[in-house]
């Protein structure tokens, strides 16, 4: 997976040396505690968090 230009990279860290270089970024994150930004699951909305807590999940 590689982007055609830096404009296609969705990572907000624009000053990162790996910005727009998908293969380098993925390789770096193999040993990082964080997932690659573009492969993270979307953040849950506040309502989803509230309803999960109300539902009494164990």
PDB file of N, CA and C in Angstrom:
ATOM      1  N   UNK A   1       0.846  -1.179   0.000  1.00  0.00           N
ATOM      2  CA  UNK A   1       0.000   0.000   0.000  1.00  0.00           C
ATOM      3  C   UNK A   1       0.886   1.235   0.000  1.00  0.00           C
ATOM      4  N   UNK A   2       0.811   2.021  -1.010  1.00  0.00           N
ATOM      5  CA  UNK A   2       1.578   3.258  -1.041  1.00  0.00           C
ATOM      6  C   UNK A   2       0.720   4.367  -1.628  1.00  0.00           C
ATOM      7  N   UNK A   3       0.917   5.545  -1.098  1.00  0.00           N
ATOM      8  CA  UNK A   3       0.153   6.694  -1.565  1.00  0.00           C
ATOM      9  C   UNK A   3       0.835   7.297  -2.787  1.00  0.00           C
ATOM     10  N   UNK A   4       0.035   7.927  -3.629  1.00  0.00           N
ATOM     11  CA  UNK A   4       0.572   8.554  -4.829  1.00  0.00           C
ATOM     12  C   UNK A   4       1.220   9.898  -4.523  1.00  0.00           C
ATOM     13  N   UNK A   5       0.746  10.540  -3.459  1.00  0.00           N
ATOM     14  CA  UNK A   5       1.331  11.823  -3.068  1.00  0.00           C
ATOM     15  C   UNK A   5       1.146  12.028  -1.577  1.00  0.00           C
ATOM     16  N   UNK A   6       1.850  12.996  -1.014  1.00  0.00           N
ATOM     17  CA  UNK A   6       1.708  13.305   0.403  1.00  0.00           C
ATOM     18  C   UNK A   6       0.294  13.752   0.731  1.00  0.00           C
ATOM     19  N   UNK A   7      -0.417  14.317  -0.250  1.00  0.00           N
ATOM     20  CA  UNK A   7      -1.773  14.786  -0.010  1.00  0.00           C
ATOM     21  C   UNK A   7      -2.723  13.638   0.311  1.00  0.00           C
ATOM     22  N   UNK A   8      -2.394  12.419  -0.102  1.00  0.00           N
ATOM     23  CA  UNK A   8      -3.260  11.267   0.138  1.00  0.00           C
ATOM     24  C   UNK A   8      -3.074  10.705   1.542  1.00  0.00           C
ATOM     25  N   UNK A   9      -2.008  11.045   2.228  1.00  0.00           N
ATOM     26  CA  UNK A   9      -1.739  10.533   3.564  1.00  0.00           C
ATOM     27  C   UNK A   9      -2.682  11.214   4.563  1.00  0.00           C
ATOM     28  N   UNK A  10      -3.395  10.394   5.344  1.00  0.00           N
ATOM     29  CA  UNK A  10      -4.378  10.944   6.272  1.00  0.00           C
ATOM     30  C   UNK A  10      -3.812  11.223   7.659  1.00  0.00           C
ATOM     31  N   UNK A  11      -2.568  10.887   7.887  1.00  0.00           N
ATOM     32  CA  UNK A  11      -1.955  11.101   9.193  1.00  0.00           C
ATOM     33  C   UNK A  11      -1.808  12.607   9.459  1.00  0.00           C
ATOM     34  N   UNK A  12      -2.206  13.048  10.655  1.00  0.00           N
ATOM     35  CA  UNK A  12      -2.127  14.480  10.955  1.00  0.00           C
ATOM     36  C   UNK A  12      -0.706  14.979  11.237  1.00  0.00           C
ATOM     37  N   UNK A  13       0.247  14.079  11.388  1.00  0.00           N
ATOM     38  CA  UNK A  13       1.628  14.475  11.703  1.00  0.00           C
ATOM     39  C   UNK A  13       2.370  14.813  10.411  1.00  0.00           C
ATOM     40  N   UNK A  14       2.128  15.992   9.924  1.00  0.00           N
ATOM     41  CA  UNK A  14       2.658  16.431   8.636  1.00  0.00           C
ATOM     42  C   UNK A  14       4.180  16.541   8.649  1.00  0.00           C
ATOM     43  N   UNK A  15       4.767  16.880   9.773  1.00  0.00           N
ATOM     44  CA  UNK A  15       6.219  17.057   9.850  1.00  0.00           C
ATOM     45  C   UNK A  15       6.975  15.747  10.034  1.00  0.00           C
ATOM     46  N   UNK A  16       6.264  14.636  10.138  1.00  0.00           N
ATOM     47  CA  UNK A  16       6.896  13.327  10.321  1.00  0.00           C
ATOM     48  C   UNK A  16       7.724  12.972   9.092  1.00  0.00           C
ATOM     49  N   UNK A  17       8.901  12.412   9.318  1.00  0.00           N
ATOM     50  CA  UNK A  17       9.776  12.044   8.195  1.00  0.00           C
ATOM     51  C   UNK A  17       9.186  10.923   7.343  1.00  0.00           C
ATOM     52  N   UNK A  18       8.204  10.185   7.885  1.00  0.00           N
ATOM     53  CA  UNK A  18       7.584   9.094   7.134  1.00  0.00           C
ATOM     54  C   UNK A  18       6.238   9.490   6.532  1.00  0.00           C
ATOM     55  N   UNK A  19       5.826  10.742   6.673  1.00  0.00           N
ATOM     56  CA  UNK A  19       4.534  11.204   6.149  1.00  0.00           C
ATOM     57  C   UNK A  19       4.461  10.986   4.645  1.00  0.00           C
ATOM     58  N   UNK A  20       3.456  10.218   4.219  1.00  0.00           N
ATOM     59  CA  UNK A  20       3.281   9.936   2.797  1.00  0.00           C
ATOM     60  C   UNK A  20       4.090   8.754   2.301  1.00  0.00           C
ATOM     61  N   UNK A  21       4.879   8.146   3.169  1.00  0.00           N
ATOM     62  CA  UNK A  21       5.705   6.993   2.797  1.00  0.00           C
ATOM     63  C   UNK A  21       5.158   5.775   3.540  1.00  0.00           C
ATOM     64  N   UNK A  22       4.108   5.180   2.985  1.00  0.00           N
ATOM     65  CA  UNK A  22       3.371   4.134   3.688  1.00  0.00           C
ATOM     66  C   UNK A  22       4.233   2.952   4.104  1.00  0.00           C
ATOM     67  N   UNK A  23       5.051   2.454   3.207  1.00  0.00           N
ATOM     68  CA  UNK A  23       5.837   1.262   3.539  1.00  0.00           C
ATOM     69  C   UNK A  23       6.793   1.537   4.703  1.00  0.00           C
ATOM     70  N   UNK A  24       7.419   2.702   4.720  1.00  0.00           N
ATOM     71  CA  UNK A  24       8.307   3.069   5.826  1.00  0.00           C
ATOM     72  C   UNK A  24       7.517   3.216   7.127  1.00  0.00           C
ATOM     73  N   UNK A  25       6.354   3.813   7.041  1.00  0.00           N
ATOM     74  CA  UNK A  25       5.520   4.034   8.213  1.00  0.00           C
ATOM     75  C   UNK A  25       5.050   2.699   8.797  1.00  0.00           C
ATOM     76  N   UNK A  26       4.584   1.802   7.951  1.00  0.00           N
ATOM     77  CA  UNK A  26       4.120   0.495   8.401  1.00  0.00           C
ATOM     78  C   UNK A  26       5.260  -0.276   9.041  1.00  0.00           C
ATOM     79  N   UNK A  27       6.427  -0.232   8.441  1.00  0.00           N
ATOM     80  CA  UNK A  27       7.603  -0.923   8.994  1.00  0.00           C
ATOM     81  C   UNK A  27       7.955  -0.360  10.380  1.00  0.00           C
ATOM     82  N   UNK A  28       7.908   0.949  10.516  1.00  0.00           N
ATOM     83  CA  UNK A  28       8.204   1.595  11.795  1.00  0.00           C
ATOM     84  C   UNK A  28       7.212   1.162  12.877  1.00  0.00           C
ATOM     85  N   UNK A  29       5.939   1.086  12.530  1.00  0.00           N
ATOM     86  CA  UNK A  29       4.905   0.775  13.510  1.00  0.00           C
ATOM     87  C   UNK A  29       4.827  -0.705  13.872  1.00  0.00           C
ATOM     88  N   UNK A  30       5.578  -1.549  13.195  1.00  0.00           N
ATOM     89  CA  UNK A  30       5.639  -2.961  13.576  1.00  0.00           C
ATOM     90  C   UNK A  30       6.266  -3.115  14.954  1.00  0.00           C
ATOM     91  N   UNK A  31       7.166  -2.206  15.302  1.00  0.00           N
ATOM     92  CA  UNK A  31       7.835  -2.266  16.601  1.00  0.00           C
ATOM     93  C   UNK A  31       7.345  -1.173  17.553  1.00  0.00           C
ATOM     94  N   UNK A  32       6.367  -0.417  17.138  1.00  0.00           N
ATOM     95  CA  UNK A  32       5.820   0.669  17.947  1.00  0.00           C
ATOM     96  C   UNK A  32       4.603   0.167  18.724  1.00  0.00           C
ATOM     97  N   UNK A  33       4.280   0.822  19.830  1.00  0.00           N
ATOM     98  CA  UNK A  33       3.091   0.418  20.579  1.00  0.00           C
ATOM     99  C   UNK A  33       1.814   0.969  19.943  1.00  0.00           C
ATOM    100  N   UNK A  34       1.949   1.857  18.969  1.00  0.00           N
ATOM    101  CA  UNK A  34       0.805   2.445  18.290  1.00  0.00           C
ATOM    102  C   UNK A  34       0.590   1.816  16.930  1.00  0.00           C
ATOM    103  N   UNK A  35      -0.668   1.719  16.507  1.00  0.00           N
ATOM    104  CA  UNK A  35      -0.985   1.234  15.168  1.00  0.00           C
ATOM    105  C   UNK A  35      -0.749   2.354  14.167  1.00  0.00           C
ATOM    106  N   UNK A  36      -0.598   1.986  12.912  1.00  0.00           N
ATOM    107  CA  UNK A  36      -0.468   2.969  11.838  1.00  0.00           C
ATOM    108  C   UNK A  36      -1.746   3.805  11.833  1.00  0.00           C
ATOM    109  N   UNK A  37      -1.615   5.105  11.739  1.00  0.00           N
ATOM    110  CA  UNK A  37      -2.766   6.008  11.867  1.00  0.00           C
ATOM    111  C   UNK A  37      -3.877   5.666  10.886  1.00  0.00           C
ATOM    112  N   UNK A  38      -3.532   5.388   9.648  1.00  0.00           N
ATOM    113  CA  UNK A  38      -4.559   5.143   8.635  1.00  0.00           C
ATOM    114  C   UNK A  38      -5.220   3.774   8.798  1.00  0.00           C
ATOM    115  N   UNK A  39      -4.682   2.919   9.661  1.00  0.00           N
ATOM    116  CA  UNK A  39      -5.268   1.593   9.875  1.00  0.00           C
ATOM    117  C   UNK A  39      -5.940   1.458  11.240  1.00  0.00           C
ATOM    118  N   UNK A  40      -6.016   2.530  11.988  1.00  0.00           N
ATOM    119  CA  UNK A  40      -6.693   2.498  13.282  1.00  0.00           C
ATOM    120  C   UNK A  40      -8.203   2.475  13.061  1.00  0.00           C
ATOM    121  N   UNK A  41      -8.913   1.887  14.013  1.00  0.00           N
ATOM    122  CA  UNK A  41     -10.366   1.902  13.913  1.00  0.00           C
ATOM    123  C   UNK A  41     -10.848   3.301  14.286  1.00  0.00           C
ATOM    124  N   UNK A  42     -11.941   3.723  13.692  1.00  0.00           N
ATOM    125  CA  UNK A  42     -12.433   5.070  13.991  1.00  0.00           C
ATOM    126  C   UNK A  42     -12.815   5.197  15.460  1.00  0.00           C
ATOM    127  N   UNK A  43     -12.643   6.382  15.995  1.00  0.00           N
ATOM    128  CA  UNK A  43     -12.976   6.619  17.397  1.00  0.00           C
ATOM    129  C   UNK A  43     -14.482   6.474  17.577  1.00  0.00           C
ATOM    130  N   UNK A  44     -14.854   5.904  18.703  1.00  0.00           N
ATOM    131  CA  UNK A  44     -16.272   5.767  19.006  1.00  0.00           C
ATOM    132  C   UNK A  44     -16.824   7.139  19.384  1.00  0.00           C
ATOM    133  N   UNK A  45     -18.070   7.337  19.000  1.00  0.00           N
ATOM    134  CA  UNK A  45     -18.701   8.600  19.347  1.00  0.00           C
ATOM    135  C   UNK A  45     -19.074   8.587  20.822  1.00  0.00           C
ATOM    136  N   UNK A  46     -19.334   9.728  21.354  1.00  0.00           N
ATOM    137  CA  UNK A  46     -19.709   9.860  22.753  1.00  0.00           C
ATOM    138  C   UNK A  46     -20.969   9.052  23.050  1.00  0.00           C
ATOM    139  N   UNK A  47     -21.936   9.083  22.133  1.00  0.00           N
ATOM    140  CA  UNK A  47     -23.172   8.334  22.350  1.00  0.00           C
ATOM    141  C   UNK A  47     -22.915   6.834  22.409  1.00  0.00           C
ATOM    142  N   UNK A  48     -22.024   6.321  21.569  1.00  0.00           N
ATOM    143  CA  UNK A  48     -21.697   4.890  21.602  1.00  0.00           C
ATOM    144  C   UNK A  48     -21.089   4.512  22.950  1.00  0.00           C
ATOM    145  N   UNK A  49     -20.240   5.363  23.473  1.00  0.00           N
ATOM    146  CA  UNK A  49     -19.612   5.089  24.782  1.00  0.00           C
ATOM    147  C   UNK A  49     -20.667   5.094  25.884  1.00  0.00           C
ATOM    148  N   UNK A  50     -21.586   6.067  25.839  1.00  0.00           N
ATOM    149  CA  UNK A  50     -22.624   6.163  26.866  1.00  0.00           C
ATOM    150  C   UNK A  50     -23.527   4.938  26.833  1.00  0.00           C
ATOM    151  N   UNK A  51     -23.985   4.565  25.641  1.00  0.00           N
ATOM    152  CA  UNK A  51     -24.894   3.425  25.532  1.00  0.00           C
ATOM    153  C   UNK A  51     -24.210   2.120  25.911  1.00  0.00           C
ATOM    154  N   UNK A  52     -22.929   1.994  25.659  1.00  0.00           N
ATOM    155  CA  UNK A  52     -22.202   0.791  26.050  1.00  0.00           C
ATOM    156  C   UNK A  52     -22.171   0.696  27.579  1.00  0.00           C
ATOM    157  N   UNK A  53     -21.930   1.822  28.247  1.00  0.00           N
ATOM    158  CA  UNK A  53     -21.882   1.849  29.713  1.00  0.00           C
ATOM    159  C   UNK A  53     -23.260   1.594  30.326  1.00  0.00           C
ATOM    160  N   UNK A  54     -24.318   2.091  29.697  1.00  0.00           N
ATOM    161  CA  UNK A  54     -25.667   1.900  30.196  1.00  0.00           C
ATOM    162  C   UNK A  54     -26.081   0.433  30.038  1.00  0.00           C
ATOM    163  N   UNK A  55     -25.637  -0.179  28.949  1.00  0.00           N
ATOM    164  CA  UNK A  55     -26.010  -1.557  28.656  1.00  0.00           C
ATOM    165  C   UNK A  55     -25.508  -2.553  29.678  1.00  0.00           C
ATOM    166  N   UNK A  56     -24.567  -2.167  30.511  1.00  0.00           N
ATOM    167  CA  UNK A  56     -24.072  -3.035  31.558  1.00  0.00           C
ATOM    168  C   UNK A  56     -23.201  -4.160  31.038  1.00  0.00           C
ATOM    169  N   UNK A  57     -22.328  -3.865  30.093  1.00  0.00           N
ATOM    170  CA  UNK A  57     -21.441  -4.904  29.570  1.00  0.00           C
ATOM    171  C   UNK A  57     -20.504  -5.382  30.661  1.00  0.00           C
ATOM    172  N   UNK A  58     -20.233  -6.692  30.678  1.00  0.00           N
ATOM    173  CA  UNK A  58     -19.422  -7.285  31.748  1.00  0.00           C
ATOM    174  C   UNK A  58     -18.006  -7.512  31.324  1.00  0.00           C
TER     175      UNK A  58
END
